[in-house]
Amino acid sequence: MTKRSRTFFIFAGTAVLFLTLASGSAAQERSDSGSFSYSITSSEEMPLSDGTSLMRAVQSGILTTDDPASPLGPSAGTCSGSTVESESLIVAGYCDFVDMDGDVWTIWYKADQEGGSWGFLEGTGKFNGIHGEGTFRGGEAWSDGRGINYWDGTYTLP
């Protein structure tokens, strides 16, 4: 191999290495599940003109994951939602979660009597660019406003 050939191979190998490092690893979809243990911290009820009522509630709690290696948990969360009880139950809202590193991820949610769906809105730090969705169902509930929701979903971190 000539000196010129070695120089070319060294240059080409270095270029491939830098391009690989610059592009980072490919995003991978993850499946996850867990629970959100919460307590209602504030609520208000407003009567509506059709005889039903709108209930607004704020819940705070801890989200845990079934997989201890998951980046989502544990996270402290606050959810704000609205519920209208009529012939059918209408529930919608959003939550923000803060992990142990101080990075934030946010979701929207909607539900009915059977359970609900949720999806990522955005995140900061390691959660910047997160996207995905999932489902949840209500679990145990206490009369003082504490409860547990169980969730699962898939998501991709860039």
Protein backbone atom coordinates (compact mmCIF):
# COMPACT_ATOMS: atom_id res chain seq x y z
CA MET A 1 0.00 0.00 0.00
CA THR A 2 1.41 3.36 -0.97
CA LYS A 3 1.68 6.32 1.34
CA ARG A 4 -1.06 8.04 -0.67
CA SER A 5 -3.41 5.02 -0.28
CA ARG A 6 -2.81 4.89 3.50
CA THR A 7 -3.53 8.62 3.78
CA PHE A 8 -6.78 8.17 1.84
CA PHE A 9 -7.91 5.24 4.04
CA ILE A 10 -7.07 7.14 7.24
CA PHE A 11 -8.97 10.19 5.96
CA ALA A 12 -11.96 8.07 4.83
CA GLY A 13 -12.04 6.15 8.12
CA THR A 14 -11.86 9.39 10.14
CA ALA A 15 -14.67 10.91 8.05
CA VAL A 16 -16.90 7.86 8.62
CA LEU A 17 -16.19 8.02 12.37
CA PHE A 18 -17.08 11.73 12.58
CA LEU A 19 -20.25 11.27 10.52
CA THR A 20 -21.32 8.40 12.78
CA LEU A 21 -20.69 10.43 15.93
CA ALA A 22 -22.43 13.50 14.51
CA SER A 23 -25.56 11.62 13.50
CA GLY A 24 -25.94 9.92 16.88
CA SER A 25 -27.73 6.64 17.31
CA ALA A 26 -31.02 6.00 15.59
CA ALA A 27 -34.16 6.64 17.64
CA GLN A 28 -35.79 3.47 18.91
CA GLU A 29 -39.40 2.92 19.87
CA ARG A 30 -39.90 1.76 23.45
CA SER A 31 -42.86 0.06 25.09
CA ASP A 32 -43.53 0.95 28.70
CA SER A 33 -46.16 0.57 31.42
CA GLY A 34 -46.68 1.53 35.04
CA SER A 35 -48.89 3.47 37.41
CA PHE A 36 -49.65 7.03 38.49
CA SER A 37 -50.51 7.33 42.20
CA TYR A 38 -52.18 10.68 42.79
CA SER A 39 -54.07 12.89 45.20
CA ILE A 40 -56.54 15.61 44.20
CA THR A 41 -55.01 18.87 45.43
CA SER A 42 -57.82 21.20 44.29
CA SER A 43 -61.20 20.96 42.59
CA GLU A 44 -64.17 23.09 41.72
CA GLU A 45 -67.60 22.34 40.34
CA MET A 46 -69.62 24.57 38.05
CA PRO A 47 -73.26 23.92 37.07
CA LEU A 48 -73.99 23.99 33.34
CA SER A 49 -77.15 25.26 31.65
CA ASP A 50 -78.30 21.74 30.66
CA GLY A 51 -78.37 20.59 34.31
CA THR A 52 -75.04 18.78 34.18
CA SER A 53 -71.90 20.09 35.82
CA LEU A 54 -68.29 20.74 34.93
CA MET A 55 -65.72 19.60 37.47
CA ARG A 56 -62.17 20.90 37.25
CA ALA A 57 -59.50 19.11 39.26
CA VAL A 58 -55.76 19.27 39.82
CA GLN A 59 -53.99 16.07 40.80
CA SER A 60 -50.41 15.64 42.03
CA GLY A 61 -48.55 12.39 42.41
CA ILE A 62 -45.78 10.03 41.41
CA LEU A 63 -45.53 8.09 38.16
CA THR A 64 -43.67 4.80 38.34
CA THR A 65 -42.71 2.38 35.58
CA ASP A 66 -42.71 -1.42 35.55
CA ASP A 67 -39.24 -1.31 33.95
CA PRO A 68 -36.71 0.20 36.40
CA ALA A 69 -34.48 1.19 33.44
CA SER A 70 -37.22 3.32 31.85
CA PRO A 71 -36.33 7.01 31.48
CA LEU A 72 -39.92 8.00 32.36
CA GLY A 73 -39.91 6.98 35.99
CA PRO A 74 -39.97 7.80 38.68
CA SER A 75 -41.37 11.23 37.87
CA ALA A 76 -43.38 13.70 39.95
CA GLY A 77 -46.49 14.82 38.09
CA THR A 78 -49.24 17.41 38.15
CA CYS A 79 -52.38 16.96 36.05
CA SER A 80 -55.13 19.47 35.37
CA GLY A 81 -58.36 18.17 33.90
CA SER A 82 -62.03 18.76 33.32
CA THR A 83 -64.90 16.30 33.63
CA VAL A 84 -68.47 16.66 32.38
CA GLU A 85 -70.93 14.01 33.53
CA SER A 86 -73.94 13.75 31.25
CA GLU A 87 -75.32 10.76 29.35
CA SER A 88 -71.67 9.94 28.78
CA LEU A 89 -68.61 10.85 30.78
CA ILE A 90 -66.25 13.35 29.14
CA VAL A 91 -62.78 13.76 30.67
CA ALA A 92 -59.84 15.70 29.18
CA GLY A 93 -56.70 17.42 30.40
CA TYR A 94 -52.93 17.56 30.45
CA CYS A 95 -50.08 16.60 32.76
CA ASP A 96 -46.49 17.65 33.28
CA PHE A 97 -43.93 15.31 34.81
CA VAL A 98 -40.46 16.08 36.20
CA ASP A 99 -37.93 13.25 36.51
CA MET A 100 -35.13 12.94 39.07
CA ASP A 101 -32.74 14.88 36.76
CA GLY A 102 -35.13 17.84 36.46
CA ASP A 103 -36.11 17.06 32.85
CA VAL A 104 -39.79 17.63 31.99
CA TRP A 105 -42.22 15.74 29.74
CA THR A 106 -45.84 16.67 29.07
CA ILE A 107 -48.90 14.74 27.89
CA TRP A 108 -52.54 15.31 26.94
CA TYR A 109 -55.25 12.82 27.93
CA LYS A 110 -58.92 12.07 27.31
CA ALA A 111 -61.17 9.42 28.79
CA ASP A 112 -64.65 7.97 29.17
CA GLN A 113 -66.15 5.31 31.44
CA GLU A 114 -64.05 2.55 29.87
CA GLY A 115 -60.63 4.18 30.17
CA GLY A 116 -58.61 6.65 28.19
CA SER A 117 -55.86 7.55 25.79
CA TRP A 118 -52.89 9.88 26.09
CA GLY A 119 -50.07 11.25 23.98
CA PHE A 120 -46.85 13.17 24.44
CA LEU A 121 -46.84 16.92 23.80
CA GLU A 122 -43.16 17.81 24.31
CA GLY A 123 -40.25 17.56 26.69
CA THR A 124 -37.00 19.13 27.83
CA GLY A 125 -33.50 17.69 28.22
CA LYS A 126 -33.48 13.98 27.46
CA PHE A 127 -37.20 14.19 26.60
CA ASN A 128 -36.79 16.93 23.96
CA GLY A 129 -38.57 15.67 20.82
CA ILE A 130 -40.29 12.73 22.53
CA HIS A 131 -43.38 11.44 20.76
CA GLY A 132 -45.75 8.53 21.29
CA GLU A 133 -49.07 7.55 22.81
CA GLY A 134 -50.82 5.02 24.97
CA THR A 135 -53.84 4.09 27.03
CA PHE A 136 -54.77 4.13 30.71
CA ARG A 137 -57.45 2.83 33.02
CA GLY A 138 -58.57 3.86 36.46
CA GLY A 139 -57.60 1.62 39.31
CA GLU A 140 -58.11 1.91 43.03
CA ALA A 141 -59.78 5.09 44.29
CA TRP A 142 -60.29 6.34 47.83
CA SER A 143 -63.10 8.62 49.01
CA ASP A 144 -60.64 11.36 50.01
CA GLY A 145 -59.48 11.94 46.39
CA ARG A 146 -56.48 9.62 46.25
CA GLY A 147 -56.18 6.99 43.55
CA ILE A 148 -54.10 5.00 41.11
CA ASN A 149 -54.24 4.93 37.32
CA TYR A 150 -52.52 2.21 35.30
CA TRP A 151 -50.99 3.10 31.94
CA ASP A 152 -49.12 1.64 29.00
CA GLY A 153 -47.79 3.03 25.76
CA THR A 154 -45.07 3.31 23.18
CA TYR A 155 -42.77 6.25 22.55
CA THR A 156 -39.66 7.31 20.73
CA LEU A 157 -36.85 9.44 22.10
CA PRO A 158 -34.66 11.07 19.43
